[in-house]
Amino acid sequence: MHQYIDGSRRDGTSGRTQRVIDPSTGEEIATVALASAEDVDLAVAAARRAFGAWSRTTPAERSALLLRTAEVLRERQDELAELESRQCGKPIRLAREFDVPGSIDNVEFFAGAARILEGKATGEYSPTHTSSIRREPLGVVGSIAPWNYPLQMAVWKIFPAIAAGNTVVLKPAEITPLTALVLAEALTTAGVPDGVVNIVVGDGREAGAALARHTDVDMISFTGSTAVGRSVMEAATSNAKRVHLELGGKAPFVVFDDADLEAAVHGAVAGSLINGGQDCTAATRAIVHESIIDRFVAGVAELYESVTLGPTAEDATDMGPLSSFAHRDKVAAMVERARGYATIVTGGRAGEGNLAAGAYYHPTLVVGAGTDSEIYRDEVFGPVLTVTPFRDDDEAIALANDTPYGLAASAWTNDLHRGLRATREIVAGCVWVNDHIPIISEMPHGGVKQSGFGKDMSSYSFEEYTSIKHVMFDLSREPRKDWHRTIFRID
């Protein structure tokens, strides 16, 4: 049973099923009875019933339950890593050392952050009144998470929401739902009341759309493609609900001529291949000074060719398959079209031999693609890096910003002023200097332009999940206020 509503598992009632496939082997892990719009109604109703009591718990009470949840997740961390690895095609090393511990750390962060939610201090801003600010939960939050980081994205969406006193209905991607269900069980085991967190596993057309347009949902949080994000915004107009979107990216990786070339090469390989390149912040466009571009390309190509593709359960595996055969074929098709206008330096092929049974695709380096080409401009979401030369700093910044996206970027330089200029002028929600990809729970994640708006992680995410209420007390005890004469005559 792959729905989790009001504290227990159950089957979906749509009459349709979804096979969960291990993309490294093509073998079925589970078959999910998908949720219908009626299941979404049940989950939203459970969340609404739970909201009143949950919103009145103290921050200390919520914090204690979240800390206990982190303990339960730590007790189940091996199970979580294996499930995440199998359903996504992640190397077990990545799941065990990045996805799972990072998720648990995020839970612990919000357990602490729950206790420091505050508004502006009480004060007199009018001579006859005292004002204060209340920060209050919104109500029922509908969250839609993607398939590339199922556990982490579920954590990022659920925990700031419930730490602030909201209740949640989460729709994970139907092809990778298994760790979200374990997460829901962990919350129940930790003592979080039934209905505070509900999981509906369904497709976007029925379950996702029903959640986004539901008139008893007060906020919708979506992570996924920009195109689907637009449809989520449209659906949210049903009751003018608050919207939080974390969408696509096409991150520039700018390497100036004074950069540490070895560091930049290693950073480019790690930043472009993390999670098989299926990361909206992944390095996708290397923009490299013309004087060092040949050495950069040679260095990246050499490291790409040394990356070990293999079974996800083996510690020696560096990169697993892509998330599905359909997605592998989409990435491959984009690379094949690029052969007509660019050069594939290395990669550009699916797995062979023992890897042929899985959705594997080799790390692919592309040079000579024009800045108006598909491979340069559109989100590939795979292990593909383009390399483009620049002549001077102005051109580098212009190329970095020549994209409709604005989620993440990096600049590689040993010049303090160049680094500062890059962080100021590159338009993105995050700009790293001499690194690419690291995230920490205390710092926000989110984009600008067509990469969306709003923040995940950090205390800044509470801005998404709370509303600000102004409370004002009259101090004068005067029944007749001087301002009343602007409305009616006072004798």
Protein backbone atom coordinates (compact mmCIF):
# COMPACT_ATOMS: atom_id res chain seq x y z
CA MET A 1 0.00 0.00 0.00
CA HIS A 2 1.59 3.22 -1.19
CA GLN A 3 -0.62 6.03 0.13
CA TYR A 4 -0.21 7.42 3.65
CA ILE A 5 -3.31 9.25 4.83
CA ASP A 6 -4.30 10.15 8.38
CA GLY A 7 -1.56 8.04 9.95
CA SER A 8 -1.85 4.79 7.99
CA ARG A 9 -1.02 3.19 4.66
CA ARG A 10 -3.69 2.45 2.10
CA ASP A 11 -4.08 1.82 -1.62
CA GLY A 12 -4.96 4.48 -4.15
CA THR A 13 -8.39 4.31 -5.78
CA SER A 14 -7.75 5.60 -9.31
CA GLY A 15 -7.81 2.10 -10.78
CA ARG A 16 -4.42 2.76 -12.38
CA THR A 17 -1.00 1.48 -11.32
CA GLN A 18 2.60 2.58 -11.66
CA ARG A 19 5.58 0.24 -11.66
CA VAL A 20 8.58 1.45 -9.64
CA ILE A 21 11.63 0.34 -11.62
CA ASP A 22 15.27 -0.01 -10.62
CA PRO A 23 16.84 1.88 -13.55
CA SER A 24 20.15 0.07 -13.12
CA THR A 25 18.60 -3.28 -14.03
CA GLY A 26 15.12 -2.62 -15.39
CA GLU A 27 13.70 -4.81 -12.61
CA GLU A 28 10.46 -3.95 -10.84
CA ILE A 29 10.75 -2.96 -7.17
CA ALA A 30 7.07 -2.30 -6.48
CA THR A 31 3.71 -1.66 -8.11
CA VAL A 32 1.78 1.35 -6.83
CA ALA A 33 -2.02 1.68 -6.94
CA LEU A 34 -2.16 5.36 -7.86
CA ALA A 35 -4.12 7.99 -5.98
CA SER A 36 -7.27 9.50 -7.44
CA ALA A 37 -8.63 13.02 -6.93
CA GLU A 38 -10.87 11.46 -4.23
CA ASP A 39 -7.76 10.24 -2.38
CA VAL A 40 -6.40 13.78 -2.53
CA ASP A 41 -9.68 14.99 -0.99
CA LEU A 42 -9.28 12.48 1.86
CA ALA A 43 -5.68 13.56 2.50
CA VAL A 44 -6.56 17.26 2.47
CA ALA A 45 -9.49 16.62 4.84
CA ALA A 46 -7.16 14.74 7.21
CA ALA A 47 -4.67 17.60 7.11
CA ARG A 48 -7.42 20.14 7.76
CA ARG A 49 -8.70 18.18 10.78
CA ALA A 50 -5.18 17.95 12.19
CA PHE A 51 -4.33 21.61 11.61
CA GLY A 52 -6.21 23.15 14.52
CA ALA A 53 -4.51 21.12 17.25
CA TRP A 54 -1.11 21.02 15.53
CA SER A 55 -1.02 24.78 14.97
CA ARG A 56 -1.64 25.32 18.69
CA THR A 57 1.27 23.15 19.84
CA THR A 58 4.15 25.11 21.25
CA PRO A 59 7.39 25.48 19.32
CA ALA A 60 9.09 23.38 21.99
CA GLU A 61 6.58 20.55 21.49
CA ARG A 62 7.02 20.58 17.72
CA SER A 63 10.78 20.72 18.13
CA ALA A 64 10.83 17.66 20.38
CA LEU A 65 8.78 15.64 17.88
CA LEU A 66 11.05 16.65 15.00
CA LEU A 67 14.14 15.67 16.96
CA ARG A 68 12.58 12.30 17.69
CA THR A 69 11.81 11.94 13.97
CA ALA A 70 15.49 12.51 13.19
CA GLU A 71 16.37 9.72 15.62
CA VAL A 72 13.93 7.33 13.94
CA LEU A 73 15.32 8.20 10.52
CA ARG A 74 18.84 7.57 11.77
CA GLU A 75 17.74 4.16 13.00
CA ARG A 76 16.42 3.43 9.49
CA GLN A 77 19.21 5.13 7.54
CA ASP A 78 20.55 1.96 5.90
CA GLU A 79 17.06 1.06 4.70
CA LEU A 80 16.53 4.60 3.41
CA ALA A 81 19.85 4.61 1.53
CA GLU A 82 19.13 1.28 -0.14
CA LEU A 83 15.61 2.30 -1.16
CA GLU A 84 16.77 5.67 -2.48
CA SER A 85 19.58 4.03 -4.42
CA ARG A 86 17.34 1.41 -5.99
CA GLN A 87 14.37 3.60 -6.94
CA CYS A 88 16.50 6.44 -8.34
CA GLY A 89 19.56 4.64 -9.69
CA LYS A 90 21.81 6.53 -7.29
CA PRO A 91 25.16 4.99 -6.40
CA ILE A 92 24.85 3.69 -2.85
CA ARG A 93 27.81 5.87 -1.89
CA LEU A 94 25.89 9.02 -2.86
CA ALA A 95 22.71 7.90 -1.10
CA ARG A 96 24.54 6.81 2.05
CA GLU A 97 26.94 9.76 2.34
CA PHE A 98 24.90 12.64 0.89
CA ASP A 99 21.15 12.12 0.49
CA VAL A 100 20.33 10.39 3.77
CA PRO A 101 22.64 12.23 6.21
CA GLY A 102 21.81 15.54 4.54
CA SER A 103 18.11 14.86 4.97
CA ILE A 104 18.50 13.95 8.65
CA ASP A 105 20.57 17.08 9.24
CA ASN A 106 17.81 19.17 7.67
CA VAL A 107 15.23 17.60 10.00
CA GLU A 108 17.43 18.43 12.99
CA PHE A 109 17.92 21.98 11.74
CA PHE A 110 14.18 22.61 11.58
CA ALA A 111 13.73 21.05 14.99
CA GLY A 112 15.92 23.85 16.31
CA ALA A 113 14.54 26.55 14.03
CA ALA A 114 11.00 25.79 15.21
CA ARG A 115 11.90 27.35 18.55
CA ILE A 116 13.08 30.70 17.20
CA LEU A 117 10.16 31.74 15.00
CA GLU A 118 9.46 35.33 15.91
CA GLY A 119 7.99 38.60 14.72
CA LYS A 120 8.88 42.22 15.36
CA ALA A 121 9.06 43.12 19.05
CA THR A 122 6.09 44.85 20.62
CA GLY A 123 6.39 48.62 20.46
CA GLU A 124 4.63 51.98 20.11
CA TYR A 125 4.69 53.25 16.55
CA SER A 126 1.66 55.44 17.16
CA PRO A 127 1.44 57.62 20.30
CA THR A 128 -1.90 56.06 21.28
CA HIS A 129 -1.37 52.41 20.32
CA THR A 130 0.88 49.43 20.93
CA SER A 131 1.62 47.19 17.97
CA SER A 132 3.06 43.71 17.69
CA ILE A 133 3.58 41.16 14.94
CA ARG A 134 2.33 37.58 15.00
CA ARG A 135 3.84 35.02 12.65
CA GLU A 136 1.19 32.38 12.01
CA PRO A 137 1.00 29.14 10.01
CA LEU A 138 -0.95 29.21 6.77
CA GLY A 139 -2.99 26.02 7.15
CA VAL A 140 -2.82 23.05 4.78
CA VAL A 141 0.20 22.99 2.50
CA GLY A 142 0.13 20.96 -0.71
CA SER A 143 3.61 19.93 -1.81
CA ILE A 144 4.71 18.31 -5.06
CA ALA A 145 8.22 16.83 -5.09
CA PRO A 146 10.39 15.62 -8.01
CA TRP A 147 12.06 12.28 -8.73
CA ASN A 148 15.73 13.29 -8.64
CA TYR A 149 16.09 13.65 -4.84
CA PRO A 150 12.92 12.04 -3.46
CA LEU A 151 13.95 11.90 0.20
CA GLN A 152 15.69 15.27 0.36
CA MET A 153 12.93 17.08 -1.49
CA ALA A 154 10.29 15.54 0.79
CA VAL A 155 12.27 16.72 3.81
CA TRP A 156 12.80 20.20 2.37
CA LYS A 157 9.07 20.58 1.82
CA ILE A 158 7.60 18.89 4.88
CA PHE A 159 9.76 20.10 7.75
CA PRO A 160 9.74 23.89 7.44
CA ALA A 161 5.98 23.63 6.93
CA ILE A 162 5.24 21.52 10.01
CA ALA A 163 7.88 23.27 12.14
CA ALA A 164 5.88 26.46 11.53
CA GLY A 165 2.62 24.77 12.54
CA ASN A 166 1.15 23.84 9.16
CA THR A 167 -0.06 20.43 8.04
CA VAL A 168 1.02 18.86 4.74
CA VAL A 169 -0.18 16.75 1.85
CA LEU A 170 2.86 15.68 -0.18
CA LYS A 171 2.72 14.18 -3.65
CA PRO A 172 6.07 12.57 -4.44
CA ALA A 173 6.93 11.56 -7.99
CA GLU A 174 5.05 8.38 -8.77
CA ILE A 175 8.21 6.69 -10.08
CA THR A 176 10.17 7.29 -6.84
CA PRO A 177 7.71 7.27 -3.89
CA LEU A 178 9.24 4.72 -1.54
CA THR A 179 11.42 6.83 0.77
CA ALA A 180 8.69 9.46 1.22
CA LEU A 181 6.47 6.72 2.63
CA VAL A 182 9.19 5.60 5.05
CA LEU A 183 9.55 9.25 6.08
CA ALA A 184 5.82 9.44 6.85
CA GLU A 185 6.05 6.27 8.93
CA ALA A 186 8.99 7.74 10.84
CA LEU A 187 6.92 10.83 11.70
CA THR A 188 4.15 8.63 13.09
CA THR A 189 6.63 6.50 15.03
CA ALA A 190 8.09 9.68 16.53
CA GLY A 191 4.65 10.72 17.79
CA VAL A 192 3.62 13.34 15.21
CA PRO A 193 -0.22 13.25 15.24
CA ASP A 194 -2.14 11.53 12.47
CA GLY A 195 -3.01 13.81 9.58
CA VAL A 196 -0.17 16.28 10.10
CA VAL A 197 1.73 14.72 7.18
CA ASN A 198 -0.04 12.79 4.42
CA ILE A 199 1.42 11.21 1.27
CA VAL A 200 -0.55 10.74 -1.95
CA VAL A 201 1.24 8.87 -4.74
CA GLY A 202 -0.36 9.69 -8.04
CA ASP A 203 0.46 11.20 -11.40
CA GLY A 204 0.53 14.90 -12.10
CA ARG A 205 -2.49 14.95 -14.38
CA GLU A 206 -4.89 13.69 -11.72
CA ALA A 207 -3.42 13.80 -8.22
CA GLY A 208 -1.04 16.71 -8.77
CA ALA A 209 -3.65 18.84 -10.51
CA ALA A 210 -6.25 18.03 -7.85
CA LEU A 211 -3.85 19.11 -5.10
CA ALA A 212 -2.82 22.33 -6.85
CA ARG A 213 -6.39 23.48 -7.51
CA HIS A 214 -7.89 22.22 -4.22
CA THR A 215 -9.82 25.03 -2.58
CA ASP A 216 -9.05 23.77 0.95
CA VAL A 217 -5.30 23.92 0.36
CA ASP A 218 -3.78 27.21 1.50
CA MET A 219 -0.40 26.95 -0.22
CA ILE A 220 1.18 24.90 -2.98
CA SER A 221 4.92 24.20 -3.07
CA PHE A 222 6.27 22.68 -6.28
CA THR A 223 9.72 21.56 -7.39
CA GLY A 224 10.11 20.48 -11.00
CA SER A 225 10.26 21.79 -14.53
CA THR A 226 9.48 25.38 -15.44
CA ALA A 227 6.76 24.28 -17.85
CA VAL A 228 4.88 22.30 -15.19
CA GLY A 229 5.49 25.11 -12.70
CA ARG A 230 3.48 27.44 -14.92
CA SER A 231 0.53 25.03 -14.88
CA VAL A 232 0.78 24.77 -11.09
CA MET A 233 0.55 28.56 -10.82
CA GLU A 234 -2.52 28.56 -13.03
CA ALA A 235 -4.20 25.85 -10.96
CA ALA A 236 -3.42 27.74 -7.75
CA THR A 237 -5.68 30.59 -8.84
CA SER A 238 -8.66 28.45 -7.77
CA ASN A 239 -8.50 30.11 -4.36
CA ALA A 240 -5.55 32.50 -4.79
CA LYS A 241 -3.38 30.21 -2.68
CA ARG A 242 0.22 31.06 -1.95
CA VAL A 243 2.70 29.51 -4.39
CA HIS A 244 6.34 28.48 -3.90
CA LEU A 245 8.22 27.28 -6.99
CA GLU A 246 11.69 25.79 -7.37
CA LEU A 247 12.07 25.17 -11.09
CA GLY A 248 14.70 24.40 -13.70
CA GLY A 249 18.25 25.62 -14.02
CA LYS A 250 21.09 25.97 -16.49
CA ALA A 251 23.93 26.84 -14.18
CA PRO A 252 26.94 28.69 -15.59
CA PHE A 253 30.40 27.59 -14.45
CA VAL A 254 32.65 30.59 -15.16
CA VAL A 255 36.41 29.95 -15.20
CA PHE A 256 38.57 33.07 -15.35
CA ASP A 257 42.15 32.99 -16.64
CA ASP A 258 43.66 33.30 -13.15
CA ALA A 259 41.70 30.35 -11.72
CA ASP A 260 43.32 27.28 -10.19
CA LEU A 261 42.84 25.10 -13.26
CA GLU A 262 43.10 21.78 -11.42
CA ALA A 263 40.45 22.91 -8.93
CA ALA A 264 38.19 24.13 -11.74
CA VAL A 265 38.51 20.85 -13.67
CA HIS A 266 37.71 18.77 -10.60
CA GLY A 267 34.87 21.12 -9.68
CA ALA A 268 33.40 20.91 -13.16
CA VAL A 269 33.40 17.11 -13.15
CA ALA A 270 31.87 16.87 -9.68
CA GLY A 271 29.40 19.71 -10.30
CA SER A 272 28.18 18.36 -13.63
CA LEU A 273 27.97 14.66 -12.73
CA ILE A 274 26.42 14.73 -9.27
CA ASN A 275 23.33 12.51 -9.34
CA GLY A 276 24.07 11.79 -12.98
CA GLY A 277 23.64 15.48 -13.78
CA GLN A 278 19.99 15.21 -12.69
CA ASP A 279 20.25 18.24 -10.45
CA CYS A 280 18.78 21.65 -11.17
CA THR A 281 21.89 23.32 -9.74
CA ALA A 282 24.35 21.09 -11.63
CA ALA A 283 27.09 22.76 -13.67
CA THR A 284 25.84 22.62 -17.26
CA ARG A 285 27.51 25.54 -19.09
CA ALA A 286 31.27 25.89 -18.58
CA ILE A 287 32.22 29.41 -19.69
CA VAL A 288 36.02 29.40 -19.87
CA HIS A 289 38.61 32.04 -20.76
CA GLU A 290 39.97 31.41 -24.24
CA SER A 291 43.58 31.27 -23.02
CA ILE A 292 42.94 28.16 -20.87
CA ILE A 293 40.00 26.50 -22.60
CA ASP A 294 42.04 23.78 -24.34
CA ARG A 295 43.63 22.67 -21.07
CA PHE A 296 40.27 22.79 -19.32
CA VAL A 297 38.62 20.62 -21.98
CA ALA A 298 41.47 18.11 -21.91
CA GLY A 299 41.37 17.89 -18.11
CA VAL A 300 37.60 17.44 -17.91
CA ALA A 301 37.62 14.86 -20.71
CA GLU A 302 40.33 12.83 -18.97
CA LEU A 303 38.40 12.79 -15.67
CA TYR A 304 35.11 12.03 -17.41
CA GLU A 305 36.67 8.97 -19.00
CA SER A 306 37.91 7.76 -15.60
CA VAL A 307 34.45 7.86 -13.99
CA THR A 308 33.21 4.36 -13.16
CA LEU A 309 29.68 3.52 -14.23
CA GLY A 310 28.36 0.42 -12.56
CA PRO A 311 25.83 -1.30 -10.30
CA THR A 312 24.36 1.13 -7.82
CA ALA A 313 24.89 -1.24 -4.88
CA GLU A 314 28.68 -1.30 -5.32
CA ASP A 315 30.82 1.20 -3.43
CA ALA A 316 33.22 1.39 -6.39
CA THR A 317 30.52 2.88 -8.62
CA ASP A 318 30.91 6.61 -9.25
CA MET A 319 27.82 7.19 -11.38
CA GLY A 320 24.68 5.14 -11.74
CA PRO A 321 22.03 5.16 -14.45
CA LEU A 322 19.65 7.97 -15.18
CA SER A 323 16.32 7.83 -13.40
CA SER A 324 14.42 6.04 -16.15
CA PHE A 325 14.86 4.67 -19.64
CA ALA A 326 12.55 7.35 -20.99
CA HIS A 327 14.69 10.09 -19.47
CA ARG A 328 17.90 8.43 -20.71
CA ASP A 329 16.47 8.44 -24.20
CA LYS A 330 15.54 12.12 -23.92
CA VAL A 331 19.10 13.04 -22.91
CA ALA A 332 20.55 10.87 -25.68
CA ALA A 333 18.29 12.49 -28.28
CA MET A 334 19.47 15.98 -27.30
CA VAL A 335 23.10 14.91 -27.61
CA GLU A 336 22.45 13.25 -30.98
CA ARG A 337 20.90 16.45 -32.31
CA ALA A 338 23.93 18.39 -31.03
CA ARG A 339 26.24 16.30 -33.24
CA GLY A 340 24.91 18.29 -36.17
CA TYR A 341 26.32 21.59 -34.87
CA ALA A 342 28.90 20.79 -32.15
CA THR A 343 31.68 18.36 -31.27
CA ILE A 344 31.23 15.57 -28.74
CA VAL A 345 34.66 15.31 -27.10
CA THR A 346 33.85 12.27 -25.00
CA GLY A 347 30.76 10.29 -24.02
CA GLY A 348 27.61 10.66 -26.03
CA ARG A 349 26.60 7.04 -25.72
CA ALA A 350 24.48 4.73 -23.61
CA GLY A 351 25.89 2.01 -21.40
CA GLU A 352 27.23 -1.06 -23.11
CA GLY A 353 28.06 -4.62 -22.09
CA ASN A 354 26.85 -5.35 -18.57
CA LEU A 355 25.39 -1.84 -18.39
CA ALA A 356 23.12 -2.25 -21.39
CA ALA A 357 20.28 -3.55 -19.22
CA GLY A 358 20.13 -0.26 -17.32
CA ALA A 359 19.42 3.37 -18.18
CA TYR A 360 23.10 4.31 -18.22
CA TYR A 361 24.58 7.22 -20.17
CA HIS A 362 28.26 8.13 -20.24
CA PRO A 363 29.50 11.56 -19.11
CA THR A 364 29.39 13.77 -22.17
CA LEU A 365 31.49 16.82 -22.97
CA VAL A 366 30.37 19.14 -25.78
CA VAL A 367 32.37 21.96 -27.39
CA GLY A 368 31.56 24.33 -30.24
CA ALA A 369 27.82 24.64 -29.51
CA GLY A 370 26.45 28.07 -30.32
CA THR A 371 24.86 30.10 -27.56
CA ASP A 372 21.51 29.86 -29.35
CA SER A 373 21.63 26.07 -29.65
CA GLU A 374 19.36 23.62 -27.86
CA ILE A 375 22.15 21.85 -25.97
CA TYR A 376 23.44 25.19 -24.64
CA ARG A 377 20.12 26.83 -23.75
CA ASP A 378 17.73 24.06 -22.72
CA GLU A 379 17.86 22.01 -19.54
CA VAL A 380 19.30 18.57 -20.41
CA PHE A 381 19.13 17.20 -16.85
CA GLY A 382 21.79 14.61 -17.49
CA PRO A 383 25.59 14.14 -17.41
CA VAL A 384 26.24 16.68 -20.19
CA LEU A 385 28.52 19.74 -19.99
CA THR A 386 29.02 22.32 -22.74
CA VAL A 387 32.17 24.46 -22.91
CA THR A 388 32.11 27.98 -24.35
CA PRO A 389 35.04 30.46 -24.61
CA PHE A 390 35.06 34.10 -23.53
CA ARG A 391 37.55 36.93 -24.10
CA ASP A 392 37.07 39.30 -21.17
CA ASP A 393 35.21 39.62 -17.88
CA ASP A 394 32.32 41.59 -19.36
CA GLU A 395 31.65 38.82 -21.88
CA ALA A 396 31.91 36.15 -19.17
CA ILE A 397 29.24 37.81 -17.04
CA ALA A 398 27.04 38.43 -20.07
CA LEU A 399 27.26 34.76 -21.10
CA ALA A 400 26.52 33.61 -17.57
CA ASN A 401 23.34 35.70 -17.53
CA ASP A 402 22.27 34.78 -21.07
CA THR A 403 19.66 32.30 -19.89
CA PRO A 404 16.03 32.40 -18.79
CA TYR A 405 17.05 30.51 -15.64
CA GLY A 406 18.60 31.82 -12.45
CA LEU A 407 19.01 29.10 -9.86
CA ALA A 408 22.74 28.66 -9.30
CA ALA A 409 26.14 29.60 -10.72
CA SER A 410 29.81 29.48 -9.85
CA ALA A 411 32.87 31.62 -10.55
CA TRP A 412 36.44 30.34 -10.45
CA THR A 413 39.13 32.92 -9.77
CA ASN A 414 41.93 33.81 -7.38
CA ASP A 415 41.18 37.52 -7.74
CA LEU A 416 39.05 38.84 -4.87
CA HIS A 417 37.59 41.66 -6.95
CA ARG A 418 36.65 39.36 -9.81
CA GLY A 419 34.95 37.02 -7.37
CA LEU A 420 33.02 39.84 -5.73
CA ARG A 421 31.94 41.19 -9.10
CA ALA A 422 30.72 37.76 -10.16
CA THR A 423 28.65 37.31 -6.99
CA ARG A 424 27.14 40.76 -7.49
CA GLU A 425 26.41 40.64 -11.22
CA ILE A 426 25.55 37.02 -11.99
CA VAL A 427 21.78 36.75 -11.65
CA ALA A 428 21.09 33.60 -9.63
CA GLY A 429 19.73 32.50 -6.27
CA CYS A 430 23.15 31.14 -5.30
CA VAL A 431 26.65 31.94 -6.55
CA TRP A 432 29.57 29.82 -5.38
CA VAL A 433 33.17 31.00 -5.68
CA ASN A 434 35.78 28.28 -6.34
CA ASP A 435 33.28 25.50 -5.69
CA HIS A 436 30.02 24.26 -7.15
CA ILE A 437 27.12 22.34 -5.52
CA PRO A 438 27.68 22.38 -1.72
CA ILE A 439 24.51 23.10 0.26
CA ILE A 440 23.97 23.37 3.99
CA SER A 441 20.80 23.40 6.05
CA GLU A 442 21.46 26.86 7.47
CA MET A 443 21.57 28.58 4.05
CA PRO A 444 18.64 29.13 1.65
CA HIS A 445 18.09 27.46 -1.71
CA GLY A 446 15.93 28.98 -4.42
CA GLY A 447 16.04 30.82 -7.70
CA VAL A 448 15.05 33.88 -9.68
CA LYS A 449 13.74 34.44 -13.22
CA GLN A 450 12.27 31.20 -14.65
CA SER A 451 13.90 29.17 -11.91
CA GLY A 452 11.05 30.19 -9.64
CA PHE A 453 10.71 32.06 -6.36
CA GLY A 454 10.78 31.33 -2.66
CA LYS A 455 13.33 29.49 -0.54
CA ASP A 456 13.88 25.97 0.69
CA MET A 457 16.05 25.19 3.72
CA SER A 458 17.27 27.72 6.30
CA SER A 459 15.18 30.02 8.45
CA TYR A 460 14.35 32.01 5.30
CA SER A 461 12.00 29.19 4.24
CA PHE A 462 9.67 30.17 7.09
CA GLU A 463 8.78 33.23 5.01
CA GLU A 464 7.06 30.85 2.60
CA TYR A 465 5.14 28.89 5.25
CA THR A 466 3.92 31.66 7.56
CA SER A 467 1.80 34.77 7.33
CA ILE A 468 2.39 38.03 9.14
CA LYS A 469 -0.42 39.47 11.25
CA HIS A 470 -0.34 42.97 12.70
CA VAL A 471 -1.98 43.27 16.13
CA MET A 472 -2.73 46.75 17.52
CA PHE A 473 -3.99 47.74 20.99
CA ASP A 474 -5.49 51.11 21.80
CA LEU A 475 -3.82 52.76 24.79
CA SER A 476 -5.94 55.91 25.11
CA ARG A 477 -9.17 54.48 26.58
CA GLU A 478 -10.86 57.39 24.81
CA PRO A 479 -14.27 56.43 23.31
CA ARG A 480 -14.05 59.33 20.89
CA LYS A 481 -10.90 59.25 18.78
CA ASP A 482 -9.70 62.42 17.12
CA TRP A 483 -9.56 60.69 13.74
CA HIS A 484 -13.30 59.92 13.93
CA ARG A 485 -14.03 63.49 12.87
CA THR A 486 -12.79 62.62 9.39
CA ILE A 487 -15.75 60.24 9.11
CA PHE A 488 -18.52 62.01 11.10
CA ARG A 489 -18.90 65.27 13.05
CA ILE A 490 -18.11 65.14 16.77
CA ASP A 491 -19.88 67.78 18.90
